[in-house]
Amino acid sequence: AYGIVNEVTAGEDVVDQDQASDALYLVLEGELAVLRYGKETARLTKHLSFGEMGLLLGQRRTATVRAIVYSRVLELGQTDLDRMLAEEPARAAVLYGTLAECLAEYVTVGRSSP
């Protein structure tokens, strides 16, 4: 298995704006709010991800992500991605392809990933 499943309670922050980025996240359950400078800009639900740009490009977090209700998120760090690439290159290729699509969408719509 890759990554760590984190359980977060309502009101708990998963990541904070301006902190260093060392992981990306996939929402497994629940609902989270994306906050930029304290203002909600989006909601994230099951199967959506966040933190891709920070991890892959070495950027600081552009937003805070806070649980609206009890939620579970899968945290994948660079070590997890490197291990997946070595152990399961086909699975890693699918993941990196999905991340590339997410990044392309962010660039196209002018958004940035927390």
PDB file of N, CA and C in Angstrom:
ATOM      1  N   ALA A   1       0.841  -1.194   0.000  1.00  0.00           N
ATOM      2  CA  ALA A   1       0.000   0.000   0.000  1.00  0.00           C
ATOM      3  C   ALA A   1       0.879   1.248   0.000  1.00  0.00           C
ATOM      4  N   TYR A   2       0.344   2.276  -0.540  1.00  0.00           N
ATOM      5  CA  TYR A   2       1.074   3.532  -0.636  1.00  0.00           C
ATOM      6  C   TYR A   2       0.336   4.612   0.137  1.00  0.00           C
ATOM      7  N   GLY A   3       1.087   5.449   0.811  1.00  0.00           N
ATOM      8  CA  GLY A   3       0.499   6.573   1.504  1.00  0.00           C
ATOM      9  C   GLY A   3      -0.063   6.232   2.864  1.00  0.00           C
ATOM     10  N   ILE A   4      -0.678   7.257   3.455  1.00  0.00           N
ATOM     11  CA  ILE A   4      -1.259   7.162   4.788  1.00  0.00           C
ATOM     12  C   ILE A   4      -2.684   7.686   4.710  1.00  0.00           C
ATOM     13  N   VAL A   5      -3.618   6.961   5.303  1.00  0.00           N
ATOM     14  CA  VAL A   5      -4.995   7.443   5.375  1.00  0.00           C
ATOM     15  C   VAL A   5      -5.123   8.281   6.647  1.00  0.00           C
ATOM     16  N   ASN A   6      -5.496   9.541   6.472  1.00  0.00           N
ATOM     17  CA  ASN A   6      -5.696  10.455   7.598  1.00  0.00           C
ATOM     18  C   ASN A   6      -7.184  10.669   7.816  1.00  0.00           C
ATOM     19  N   GLU A   7      -7.608  10.586   9.067  1.00  0.00           N
ATOM     20  CA  GLU A   7      -8.978  10.897   9.437  1.00  0.00           C
ATOM     21  C   GLU A   7      -8.981  12.311  10.012  1.00  0.00           C
ATOM     22  N   VAL A   8      -9.883  13.161   9.509  1.00  0.00           N
ATOM     23  CA  VAL A   8      -9.959  14.543   9.987  1.00  0.00           C
ATOM     24  C   VAL A   8     -11.387  14.840  10.436  1.00  0.00           C
ATOM     25  N   THR A   9     -11.496  15.563  11.513  1.00  0.00           N
ATOM     26  CA  THR A   9     -12.802  15.914  12.049  1.00  0.00           C
ATOM     27  C   THR A   9     -13.271  17.239  11.463  1.00  0.00           C
ATOM     28  N   ALA A  10     -14.563  17.496  11.555  1.00  0.00           N
ATOM     29  CA  ALA A  10     -15.120  18.758  11.058  1.00  0.00           C
ATOM     30  C   ALA A  10     -14.390  19.926  11.704  1.00  0.00           C
ATOM     31  N   GLY A  11     -13.956  20.875  10.858  1.00  0.00           N
ATOM     32  CA  GLY A  11     -13.244  22.051  11.345  1.00  0.00           C
ATOM     33  C   GLY A  11     -11.730  21.901  11.377  1.00  0.00           C
ATOM     34  N   GLU A  12     -11.231  20.705  11.179  1.00  0.00           N
ATOM     35  CA  GLU A  12      -9.784  20.458  11.213  1.00  0.00           C
ATOM     36  C   GLU A  12      -9.155  20.747   9.854  1.00  0.00           C
ATOM     37  N   ASP A  13      -7.992  21.399   9.857  1.00  0.00           N
ATOM     38  CA  ASP A  13      -7.273  21.695   8.623  1.00  0.00           C
ATOM     39  C   ASP A  13      -6.385  20.516   8.228  1.00  0.00           C
ATOM     40  N   VAL A  14      -6.436  20.171   6.946  1.00  0.00           N
ATOM     41  CA  VAL A  14      -5.556  19.129   6.412  1.00  0.00           C
ATOM     42  C   VAL A  14      -4.224  19.772   6.031  1.00  0.00           C
ATOM     43  N   VAL A  15      -4.292  20.906   5.331  1.00  0.00           N
ATOM     44  CA  VAL A  15      -3.101  21.692   4.988  1.00  0.00           C
ATOM     45  C   VAL A  15      -3.418  23.163   5.231  1.00  0.00           C
ATOM     46  N   ASP A  16      -2.376  23.942   5.458  1.00  0.00           N
ATOM     47  CA  ASP A  16      -2.514  25.379   5.695  1.00  0.00           C
ATOM     48  C   ASP A  16      -1.879  26.171   4.565  1.00  0.00           C
ATOM     49  N   GLN A  17      -2.525  27.262   4.192  1.00  0.00           N
ATOM     50  CA  GLN A  17      -2.004  28.140   3.157  1.00  0.00           C
ATOM     51  C   GLN A  17      -0.596  28.598   3.546  1.00  0.00           C
ATOM     52  N   ASP A  18       0.282  28.638   2.578  1.00  0.00           N
ATOM     53  CA  ASP A  18       1.676  29.093   2.693  1.00  0.00           C
ATOM     54  C   ASP A  18       2.622  28.088   3.344  1.00  0.00           C
ATOM     55  N   GLN A  19       2.133  26.927   3.783  1.00  0.00           N
ATOM     56  CA  GLN A  19       3.057  25.947   4.341  1.00  0.00           C
ATOM     57  C   GLN A  19       3.771  25.219   3.198  1.00  0.00           C
ATOM     58  N   ALA A  20       4.923  24.634   3.521  1.00  0.00           N
ATOM     59  CA  ALA A  20       5.665  23.861   2.531  1.00  0.00           C
ATOM     60  C   ALA A  20       4.828  22.664   2.097  1.00  0.00           C
ATOM     61  N   SER A  21       4.959  22.278   0.834  1.00  0.00           N
ATOM     62  CA  SER A  21       4.201  21.159   0.271  1.00  0.00           C
ATOM     63  C   SER A  21       5.065  19.910   0.244  1.00  0.00           C
ATOM     64  N   ASP A  22       4.592  18.863   0.898  1.00  0.00           N
ATOM     65  CA  ASP A  22       5.357  17.620   0.893  1.00  0.00           C
ATOM     66  C   ASP A  22       4.498  16.410   0.549  1.00  0.00           C
ATOM     67  N   ALA A  23       3.238  16.654   0.165  1.00  0.00           N
ATOM     68  CA  ALA A  23       2.341  15.541  -0.155  1.00  0.00           C
ATOM     69  C   ALA A  23       1.172  16.045  -0.993  1.00  0.00           C
ATOM     70  N   LEU A  24       0.549  15.109  -1.686  1.00  0.00           N
ATOM     71  CA  LEU A  24      -0.728  15.391  -2.339  1.00  0.00           C
ATOM     72  C   LEU A  24      -1.755  14.504  -1.667  1.00  0.00           C
ATOM     73  N   TYR A  25      -3.021  14.832  -1.850  1.00  0.00           N
ATOM     74  CA  TYR A  25      -4.086  14.163  -1.119  1.00  0.00           C
ATOM     75  C   TYR A  25      -5.219  13.762  -2.055  1.00  0.00           C
ATOM     76  N   LEU A  26      -5.843  12.641  -1.738  1.00  0.00           N
ATOM     77  CA  LEU A  26      -7.028  12.175  -2.439  1.00  0.00           C
ATOM     78  C   LEU A  26      -8.136  12.028  -1.399  1.00  0.00           C
ATOM     79  N   VAL A  27      -9.288  12.642  -1.664  1.00  0.00           N
ATOM     80  CA  VAL A  27     -10.416  12.552  -0.738  1.00  0.00           C
ATOM     81  C   VAL A  27     -11.058  11.166  -0.889  1.00  0.00           C
ATOM     82  N   LEU A  28     -11.082  10.408   0.197  1.00  0.00           N
ATOM     83  CA  LEU A  28     -11.683   9.076   0.203  1.00  0.00           C
ATOM     84  C   LEU A  28     -13.128   9.125   0.688  1.00  0.00           C
ATOM     85  N   GLU A  29     -13.410  10.085   1.566  1.00  0.00           N
ATOM     86  CA  GLU A  29     -14.734  10.183   2.180  1.00  0.00           C
ATOM     87  C   GLU A  29     -14.882  11.572   2.776  1.00  0.00           C
ATOM     88  N   GLY A  30     -16.084  12.126   2.722  1.00  0.00           N
ATOM     89  CA  GLY A  30     -16.352  13.395   3.379  1.00  0.00           C
ATOM     90  C   GLY A  30     -16.403  14.570   2.424  1.00  0.00           C
ATOM     91  N   GLU A  31     -16.263  15.758   3.006  1.00  0.00           N
ATOM     92  CA  GLU A  31     -16.301  16.999   2.234  1.00  0.00           C
ATOM     93  C   GLU A  31     -15.370  18.002   2.882  1.00  0.00           C
ATOM     94  N   LEU A  32     -14.574  18.664   2.050  1.00  0.00           N
ATOM     95  CA  LEU A  32     -13.601  19.634   2.537  1.00  0.00           C
ATOM     96  C   LEU A  32     -13.771  20.952   1.801  1.00  0.00           C
ATOM     97  N   ALA A  33     -13.441  22.038   2.475  1.00  0.00           N
ATOM     98  CA  ALA A  33     -13.506  23.365   1.874  1.00  0.00           C
ATOM     99  C   ALA A  33     -12.098  23.839   1.556  1.00  0.00           C
ATOM    100  N   VAL A  34     -11.954  24.505   0.418  1.00  0.00           N
ATOM    101  CA  VAL A  34     -10.700  25.140   0.031  1.00  0.00           C
ATOM    102  C   VAL A  34     -10.846  26.619   0.365  1.00  0.00           C
ATOM    103  N   LEU A  35      -9.925  27.137   1.180  1.00  0.00           N
ATOM    104  CA  LEU A  35      -9.990  28.523   1.637  1.00  0.00           C
ATOM    105  C   LEU A  35      -8.736  29.282   1.217  1.00  0.00           C
ATOM    106  N   ARG A  36      -8.919  30.397   0.540  1.00  0.00           N
ATOM    107  CA  ARG A  36      -7.797  31.261   0.183  1.00  0.00           C
ATOM    108  C   ARG A  36      -7.994  32.578   0.909  1.00  0.00           C
ATOM    109  N   TYR A  37      -7.025  32.906   1.746  1.00  0.00           N
ATOM    110  CA  TYR A  37      -7.098  34.113   2.572  1.00  0.00           C
ATOM    111  C   TYR A  37      -8.392  34.153   3.373  1.00  0.00           C
ATOM    112  N   GLY A  38      -8.812  32.975   3.877  1.00  0.00           N
ATOM    113  CA  GLY A  38      -9.983  32.869   4.721  1.00  0.00           C
ATOM    114  C   GLY A  38     -11.315  32.781   4.001  1.00  0.00           C
ATOM    115  N   LYS A  39     -11.321  32.915   2.679  1.00  0.00           N
ATOM    116  CA  LYS A  39     -12.566  32.874   1.902  1.00  0.00           C
ATOM    117  C   LYS A  39     -12.676  31.538   1.171  1.00  0.00           C
ATOM    118  N   GLU A  40     -13.837  30.891   1.303  1.00  0.00           N
ATOM    119  CA  GLU A  40     -14.034  29.610   0.632  1.00  0.00           C
ATOM    120  C   GLU A  40     -14.117  29.804  -0.875  1.00  0.00           C
ATOM    121  N   THR A  41     -13.322  29.015  -1.598  1.00  0.00           N
ATOM    122  CA  THR A  41     -13.298  29.113  -3.060  1.00  0.00           C
ATOM    123  C   THR A  41     -13.763  27.842  -3.756  1.00  0.00           C
ATOM    124  N   ALA A  42     -13.815  26.728  -3.004  1.00  0.00           N
ATOM    125  CA  ALA A  42     -14.233  25.456  -3.617  1.00  0.00           C
ATOM    126  C   ALA A  42     -14.545  24.444  -2.527  1.00  0.00           C
ATOM    127  N   ARG A  43     -15.215  23.372  -2.951  1.00  0.00           N
ATOM    128  CA  ARG A  43     -15.484  22.224  -2.079  1.00  0.00           C
ATOM    129  C   ARG A  43     -14.918  20.986  -2.760  1.00  0.00           C
ATOM    130  N   LEU A  44     -14.388  20.091  -1.959  1.00  0.00           N
ATOM    131  CA  LEU A  44     -13.814  18.842  -2.459  1.00  0.00           C
ATOM    132  C   LEU A  44     -14.565  17.671  -1.847  1.00  0.00           C
ATOM    133  N   THR A  45     -14.901  16.689  -2.674  1.00  0.00           N
ATOM    134  CA  THR A  45     -15.592  15.491  -2.221  1.00  0.00           C
ATOM    135  C   THR A  45     -14.859  14.255  -2.722  1.00  0.00           C
ATOM    136  N   LYS A  46     -15.440  13.101  -2.455  1.00  0.00           N
ATOM    137  CA  LYS A  46     -14.830  11.812  -2.776  1.00  0.00           C
ATOM    138  C   LYS A  46     -14.257  11.773  -4.197  1.00  0.00           C
ATOM    139  N   HIS A  47     -13.037  11.249  -4.282  1.00  0.00           N
ATOM    140  CA  HIS A  47     -12.287  11.029  -5.518  1.00  0.00           C
ATOM    141  C   HIS A  47     -11.608  12.288  -6.057  1.00  0.00           C
ATOM    142  N   LEU A  48     -11.788  13.421  -5.420  1.00  0.00           N
ATOM    143  CA  LEU A  48     -11.074  14.625  -5.859  1.00  0.00           C
ATOM    144  C   LEU A  48      -9.748  14.716  -5.113  1.00  0.00           C
ATOM    145  N   SER A  49      -8.794  15.408  -5.716  1.00  0.00           N
ATOM    146  CA  SER A  49      -7.469  15.507  -5.119  1.00  0.00           C
ATOM    147  C   SER A  49      -7.080  16.965  -4.922  1.00  0.00           C
ATOM    148  N   PHE A  50      -6.064  17.165  -4.090  1.00  0.00           N
ATOM    149  CA  PHE A  50      -5.497  18.494  -3.902  1.00  0.00           C
ATOM    150  C   PHE A  50      -4.038  18.354  -3.479  1.00  0.00           C
ATOM    151  N   GLY A  51      -3.285  19.420  -3.691  1.00  0.00           N
ATOM    152  CA  GLY A  51      -1.876  19.436  -3.322  1.00  0.00           C
ATOM    153  C   GLY A  51      -0.920  18.997  -4.413  1.00  0.00           C
ATOM    154  N   GLU A  52      -1.432  18.720  -5.617  1.00  0.00           N
ATOM    155  CA  GLU A  52      -0.584  18.206  -6.695  1.00  0.00           C
ATOM    156  C   GLU A  52       0.507  19.207  -7.090  1.00  0.00           C
ATOM    157  N   MET A  53       0.111  20.447  -7.302  1.00  0.00           N
ATOM    158  CA  MET A  53       1.076  21.441  -7.791  1.00  0.00           C
ATOM    159  C   MET A  53       2.186  21.656  -6.779  1.00  0.00           C
ATOM    160  N   GLY A  54       1.807  21.755  -5.518  1.00  0.00           N
ATOM    161  CA  GLY A  54       2.811  21.979  -4.489  1.00  0.00           C
ATOM    162  C   GLY A  54       3.837  20.873  -4.444  1.00  0.00           C
ATOM    163  N   LEU A  55       3.359  19.639  -4.475  1.00  0.00           N
ATOM    164  CA  LEU A  55       4.278  18.504  -4.401  1.00  0.00           C
ATOM    165  C   LEU A  55       5.133  18.390  -5.654  1.00  0.00           C
ATOM    166  N   LEU A  56       4.506  18.419  -6.817  1.00  0.00           N
ATOM    167  CA  LEU A  56       5.242  18.182  -8.055  1.00  0.00           C
ATOM    168  C   LEU A  56       6.132  19.347  -8.466  1.00  0.00           C
ATOM    169  N   LEU A  57       5.736  20.579  -8.106  1.00  0.00           N
ATOM    170  CA  LEU A  57       6.503  21.754  -8.516  1.00  0.00           C
ATOM    171  C   LEU A  57       7.277  22.396  -7.375  1.00  0.00           C
ATOM    172  N   GLY A  58       7.151  21.846  -6.179  1.00  0.00           N
ATOM    173  CA  GLY A  58       7.882  22.378  -5.037  1.00  0.00           C
ATOM    174  C   GLY A  58       7.386  23.740  -4.575  1.00  0.00           C
ATOM    175  N   GLN A  59       6.107  24.023  -4.803  1.00  0.00           N
ATOM    176  CA  GLN A  59       5.540  25.310  -4.405  1.00  0.00           C
ATOM    177  C   GLN A  59       4.922  25.204  -3.017  1.00  0.00           C
ATOM    178  N   ARG A  60       4.794  26.344  -2.349  1.00  0.00           N
ATOM    179  CA  ARG A  60       4.107  26.390  -1.059  1.00  0.00           C
ATOM    180  C   ARG A  60       2.603  26.241  -1.299  1.00  0.00           C
ATOM    181  N   ARG A  61       1.868  25.849  -0.279  1.00  0.00           N
ATOM    182  CA  ARG A  61       0.425  25.680  -0.389  1.00  0.00           C
ATOM    183  C   ARG A  61      -0.241  27.009  -0.730  1.00  0.00           C
ATOM    184  N   THR A  62      -1.147  26.984  -1.696  1.00  0.00           N
ATOM    185  CA  THR A  62      -1.832  28.207  -2.115  1.00  0.00           C
ATOM    186  C   THR A  62      -3.157  28.405  -1.396  1.00  0.00           C
ATOM    187  N   ALA A  63      -3.560  27.432  -0.569  1.00  0.00           N
ATOM    188  CA  ALA A  63      -4.826  27.535   0.148  1.00  0.00           C
ATOM    189  C   ALA A  63      -4.800  26.619   1.366  1.00  0.00           C
ATOM    190  N   THR A  64      -5.719  26.880   2.261  1.00  0.00           N
ATOM    191  CA  THR A  64      -5.982  25.991   3.385  1.00  0.00           C
ATOM    192  C   THR A  64      -7.101  25.050   2.956  1.00  0.00           C
ATOM    193  N   VAL A  65      -7.003  23.784   3.336  1.00  0.00           N
ATOM    194  CA  VAL A  65      -8.082  22.824   3.071  1.00  0.00           C
ATOM    195  C   VAL A  65      -8.574  22.335   4.427  1.00  0.00           C
ATOM    196  N   ARG A  66      -9.876  22.544   4.680  1.00  0.00           N
ATOM    197  CA  ARG A  66     -10.491  22.265   5.983  1.00  0.00           C
ATOM    198  C   ARG A  66     -11.671  21.311   5.819  1.00  0.00           C
ATOM    199  N   ALA A  67     -11.747  20.350   6.717  1.00  0.00           N
ATOM    200  CA  ALA A  67     -12.869  19.400   6.698  1.00  0.00           C
ATOM    201  C   ALA A  67     -14.157  20.110   7.108  1.00  0.00           C
ATOM    202  N   ILE A  68     -15.213  19.893   6.319  1.00  0.00           N
ATOM    203  CA  ILE A  68     -16.539  20.411   6.633  1.00  0.00           C
ATOM    204  C   ILE A  68     -17.259  19.404   7.535  1.00  0.00           C
ATOM    205  N   VAL A  69     -17.055  18.139   7.243  1.00  0.00           N
ATOM    206  CA  VAL A  69     -17.592  17.026   8.032  1.00  0.00           C
ATOM    207  C   VAL A  69     -16.443  16.047   8.251  1.00  0.00           C
ATOM    208  N   TYR A  70     -16.668  15.040   9.077  1.00  0.00           N
ATOM    209  CA  TYR A  70     -15.660  13.984   9.232  1.00  0.00           C
ATOM    210  C   TYR A  70     -15.255  13.515   7.836  1.00  0.00           C
ATOM    211  N   SER A  71     -13.944  13.439   7.606  1.00  0.00           N
ATOM    212  CA  SER A  71     -13.442  13.053   6.283  1.00  0.00           C
ATOM    213  C   SER A  71     -12.230  12.150   6.423  1.00  0.00           C
ATOM    214  N   ARG A  72     -11.977  11.409   5.356  1.00  0.00           N
ATOM    215  CA  ARG A  72     -10.761  10.593   5.260  1.00  0.00           C
ATOM    216  C   ARG A  72     -10.056  10.974   3.975  1.00  0.00           C
ATOM    217  N   VAL A  73      -8.738  11.206   4.075  1.00  0.00           N
ATOM    218  CA  VAL A  73      -7.943  11.557   2.901  1.00  0.00           C
ATOM    219  C   VAL A  73      -6.710  10.665   2.849  1.00  0.00           C
ATOM    220  N   LEU A  74      -6.339  10.285   1.642  1.00  0.00           N
ATOM    221  CA  LEU A  74      -5.112   9.519   1.426  1.00  0.00           C
ATOM    222  C   LEU A  74      -4.001  10.516   1.146  1.00  0.00           C
ATOM    223  N   GLU A  75      -2.959  10.470   1.961  1.00  0.00           N
ATOM    224  CA  GLU A  75      -1.797  11.356   1.813  1.00  0.00           C
ATOM    225  C   GLU A  75      -0.678  10.596   1.105  1.00  0.00           C
ATOM    226  N   LEU A  76      -0.243  11.118  -0.035  1.00  0.00           N
ATOM    227  CA  LEU A  76       0.856  10.509  -0.796  1.00  0.00           C
ATOM    228  C   LEU A  76       2.009  11.494  -0.875  1.00  0.00           C
ATOM    229  N   GLY A  77       3.144  11.108  -0.330  1.00  0.00           N
ATOM    230  CA  GLY A  77       4.345  11.928  -0.388  1.00  0.00           C
ATOM    231  C   GLY A  77       5.228  11.522  -1.561  1.00  0.00           C
ATOM    232  N   GLN A  78       6.293  12.258  -1.759  1.00  0.00           N
ATOM    233  CA  GLN A  78       7.213  11.968  -2.865  1.00  0.00           C
ATOM    234  C   GLN A  78       7.799  10.567  -2.745  1.00  0.00           C
ATOM    235  N   THR A  79       8.094  10.124  -1.531  1.00  0.00           N
ATOM    236  CA  THR A  79       8.637   8.779  -1.324  1.00  0.00           C
ATOM    237  C   THR A  79       7.642   7.721  -1.795  1.00  0.00           C
ATOM    238  N   ASP A  80       6.360   7.940  -1.501  1.00  0.00           N
ATOM    239  CA  ASP A  80       5.324   6.998  -1.963  1.00  0.00           C
ATOM    240  C   ASP A  80       5.278   6.955  -3.484  1.00  0.00           C
ATOM    241  N   LEU A  81       5.336   8.124  -4.113  1.00  0.00           N
ATOM    242  CA  LEU A  81       5.286   8.174  -5.577  1.00  0.00           C
ATOM    243  C   LEU A  81       6.513   7.507  -6.191  1.00  0.00           C
ATOM    244  N   ASP A  82       7.684   7.744  -5.605  1.00  0.00           N
ATOM    245  CA  ASP A  82       8.913   7.118  -6.105  1.00  0.00           C
ATOM    246  C   ASP A  82       8.851   5.598  -5.968  1.00  0.00           C
ATOM    247  N   ARG A  83       8.345   5.122  -4.828  1.00  0.00           N
ATOM    248  CA  ARG A  83       8.242   3.678  -4.597  1.00  0.00           C
ATOM    249  C   ARG A  83       7.240   3.047  -5.563  1.00  0.00           C
ATOM    250  N   MET A  84       6.130   3.738  -5.800  1.00  0.00           N
ATOM    251  CA  MET A  84       5.133   3.226  -6.748  1.00  0.00           C
ATOM    252  C   MET A  84       5.734   3.132  -8.152  1.00  0.00           C
ATOM    253  N   LEU A  85       6.489   4.142  -8.530  1.00  0.00           N
ATOM    254  CA  LEU A  85       7.114   4.146  -9.851  1.00  0.00           C
ATOM    255  C   LEU A  85       8.062   2.953  -9.999  1.00  0.00           C
ATOM    256  N   ALA A  86       8.812   2.639  -8.953  1.00  0.00           N
ATOM    257  CA  ALA A  86       9.760   1.515  -8.998  1.00  0.00           C
ATOM    258  C   ALA A  86       9.050   0.155  -8.944  1.00  0.00           C
ATOM    259  N   GLU A  87       8.020   0.051  -8.101  1.00  0.00           N
ATOM    260  CA  GLU A  87       7.367  -1.241  -7.875  1.00  0.00           C
ATOM    261  C   GLU A  87       6.221  -1.534  -8.843  1.00  0.00           C
ATOM    262  N   GLU A  88       5.500  -0.503  -9.235  1.00  0.00           N
ATOM    263  CA  GLU A  88       4.327  -0.686 -10.098  1.00  0.00           C
ATOM    264  C   GLU A  88       4.270   0.427 -11.139  1.00  0.00           C
ATOM    265  N   PRO A  89       5.171   0.373 -12.130  1.00  0.00           N
ATOM    266  CA  PRO A  89       5.248   1.460 -13.102  1.00  0.00           C
ATOM    267  C   PRO A  89       3.945   1.719 -13.860  1.00  0.00           C
ATOM    268  N   ALA A  90       3.163   0.688 -14.129  1.00  0.00           N
ATOM    269  CA  ALA A  90       1.900   0.894 -14.853  1.00  0.00           C
ATOM    270  C   ALA A  90       0.924   1.704 -13.999  1.00  0.00           C
ATOM    271  N   ARG A  91       0.826   1.364 -12.714  1.00  0.00           N
ATOM    272  CA  ARG A  91      -0.055   2.115 -11.811  1.00  0.00           C
ATOM    273  C   ARG A  91       0.447   3.553 -11.659  1.00  0.00           C
ATOM    274  N   ALA A  92       1.756   3.726 -11.547  1.00  0.00           N
ATOM    275  CA  ALA A  92       2.335   5.065 -11.422  1.00  0.00           C
ATOM    276  C   ALA A  92       2.063   5.884 -12.676  1.00  0.00           C
ATOM    277  N   ALA A  93       2.130   5.252 -13.837  1.00  0.00           N
ATOM    278  CA  ALA A  93       1.863   5.964 -15.093  1.00  0.00           C
ATOM    279  C   ALA A  93       0.428   6.487 -15.127  1.00  0.00           C
ATOM    280  N   VAL A  94      -0.514   5.680 -14.657  1.00  0.00           N
ATOM    281  CA  VAL A  94      -1.914   6.121 -14.603  1.00  0.00           C
ATOM    282  C   VAL A  94      -2.047   7.309 -13.656  1.00  0.00           C
ATOM    283  N   LEU A  95      -1.422   7.203 -12.483  1.00  0.00           N
ATOM    284  CA  LEU A  95      -1.497   8.292 -11.509  1.00  0.00           C
ATOM    285  C   LEU A  95      -0.879   9.570 -12.067  1.00  0.00           C
ATOM    286  N   TYR A  96       0.314   9.468 -12.647  1.00  0.00           N
ATOM    287  CA  TYR A  96       0.962  10.657 -13.201  1.00  0.00           C
ATOM    288  C   TYR A  96       0.161  11.239 -14.369  1.00  0.00           C
ATOM    289  N   GLY A  97      -0.484  10.381 -15.146  1.00  0.00           N
ATOM    290  CA  GLY A  97      -1.343  10.874 -16.223  1.00  0.00           C
ATOM    291  C   GLY A  97      -2.522  11.665 -15.671  1.00  0.00           C
ATOM    292  N   THR A  98      -3.119  11.154 -14.606  1.00  0.00           N
ATOM    293  CA  THR A  98      -4.225  11.854 -13.957  1.00  0.00           C
ATOM    294  C   THR A  98      -3.749  13.185 -13.385  1.00  0.00           C
ATOM    295  N   LEU A  99      -2.583  13.187 -12.757  1.00  0.00           N
ATOM    296  CA  LEU A  99      -2.039  14.429 -12.202  1.00  0.00           C
ATOM    297  C   LEU A  99      -1.751  15.442 -13.304  1.00  0.00           C
ATOM    298  N   ALA A 100      -1.260  14.969 -14.448  1.00  0.00           N
ATOM    299  CA  ALA A 100      -1.009  15.867 -15.581  1.00  0.00           C
ATOM    300  C   ALA A 100      -2.303  16.508 -16.064  1.00  0.00           C
ATOM    301  N   GLU A 101      -3.386  15.728 -16.098  1.00  0.00           N
ATOM    302  CA  GLU A 101      -4.689  16.274 -16.490  1.00  0.00           C
ATOM    303  C   GLU A 101      -5.158  17.325 -15.492  1.00  0.00           C
ATOM    304  N   CYS A 102      -4.965  17.058 -14.208  1.00  0.00           N
ATOM    305  CA  CYS A 102      -5.344  18.036 -13.173  1.00  0.00           C
ATOM    306  C   CYS A 102      -4.552  19.324 -13.339  1.00  0.00           C
ATOM    307  N   LEU A 103      -3.250  19.190 -13.529  1.00  0.00           N
ATOM    308  CA  LEU A 103      -2.415  20.380 -13.685  1.00  0.00           C
ATOM    309  C   LEU A 103      -2.796  21.163 -14.936  1.00  0.00           C
ATOM    310  N   ALA A 104      -3.114  20.466 -16.018  1.00  0.00           N
ATOM    311  CA  ALA A 104      -3.534  21.143 -17.247  1.00  0.00           C
ATOM    312  C   ALA A 104      -4.828  21.910 -17.017  1.00  0.00           C
ATOM    313  N   GLU A 105      -5.738  21.311 -16.253  1.00  0.00           N
ATOM    314  CA  GLU A 105      -7.003  21.997 -15.946  1.00  0.00           C
ATOM    315  C   GLU A 105      -6.749  23.249 -15.121  1.00  0.00           C
ATOM    316  N   TYR A 106      -5.866  23.158 -14.131  1.00  0.00           N
ATOM    317  CA  TYR A 106      -5.559  24.316 -13.290  1.00  0.00           C
ATOM    318  C   TYR A 106      -4.987  25.447 -14.133  1.00  0.00           C
ATOM    319  N   VAL A 107      -4.103  25.100 -15.051  1.00  0.00           N
ATOM    320  CA  VAL A 107      -3.489  26.114 -15.910  1.00  0.00           C
ATOM    321  C   VAL A 107      -4.530  26.725 -16.840  1.00  0.00           C
ATOM    322  N   THR A 108      -5.379  25.876 -17.409  1.00  0.00           N
ATOM    323  CA  THR A 108      -6.402  26.339 -18.359  1.00  0.00           C
ATOM    324  C   THR A 108      -7.417  27.256 -17.707  1.00  0.00           C
ATOM    325  N   VAL A 109      -7.863  26.894 -16.503  1.00  0.00           N
ATOM    326  CA  VAL A 109      -8.883  27.702 -15.839  1.00  0.00           C
ATOM    327  C   VAL A 109      -8.271  28.738 -14.904  1.00  0.00           C
ATOM    328  N   GLY A 110      -6.956  28.746 -14.798  1.00  0.00           N
ATOM    329  CA  GLY A 110      -6.297  29.747 -13.980  1.00  0.00           C
ATOM    330  C   GLY A 110      -6.391  29.478 -12.489  1.00  0.00           C
ATOM    331  N   ARG A 111      -6.649  28.219 -12.125  1.00  0.00           N
ATOM    332  CA  ARG A 111      -6.715  27.863 -10.712  1.00  0.00           C
ATOM    333  C   ARG A 111      -5.354  27.354 -10.273  1.00  0.00           C
ATOM    334  N   SER A 112      -5.194  27.226  -8.979  1.00  0.00           N
ATOM    335  CA  SER A 112      -4.002  26.582  -8.456  1.00  0.00           C
ATOM    336  C   SER A 112      -4.424  25.613  -7.378  1.00  0.00           C
ATOM    337  N   SER A 113      -3.676  24.546  -7.240  1.00  0.00           N
ATOM    338  CA  SER A 113      -3.995  23.500  -6.288  1.00  0.00           C
ATOM    339  C   SER A 113      -3.432  23.857  -4.925  1.00  0.00           C
ATOM    340  N   PRO A 114      -4.226  23.670  -3.878  1.00  0.00           N
ATOM    341  CA  PRO A 114      -3.730  23.953  -2.533  1.00  0.00           C
ATOM    342  C   PRO A 114      -2.606  23.011  -2.201  1.00  0.00           C
TER     343      PRO A 114
END
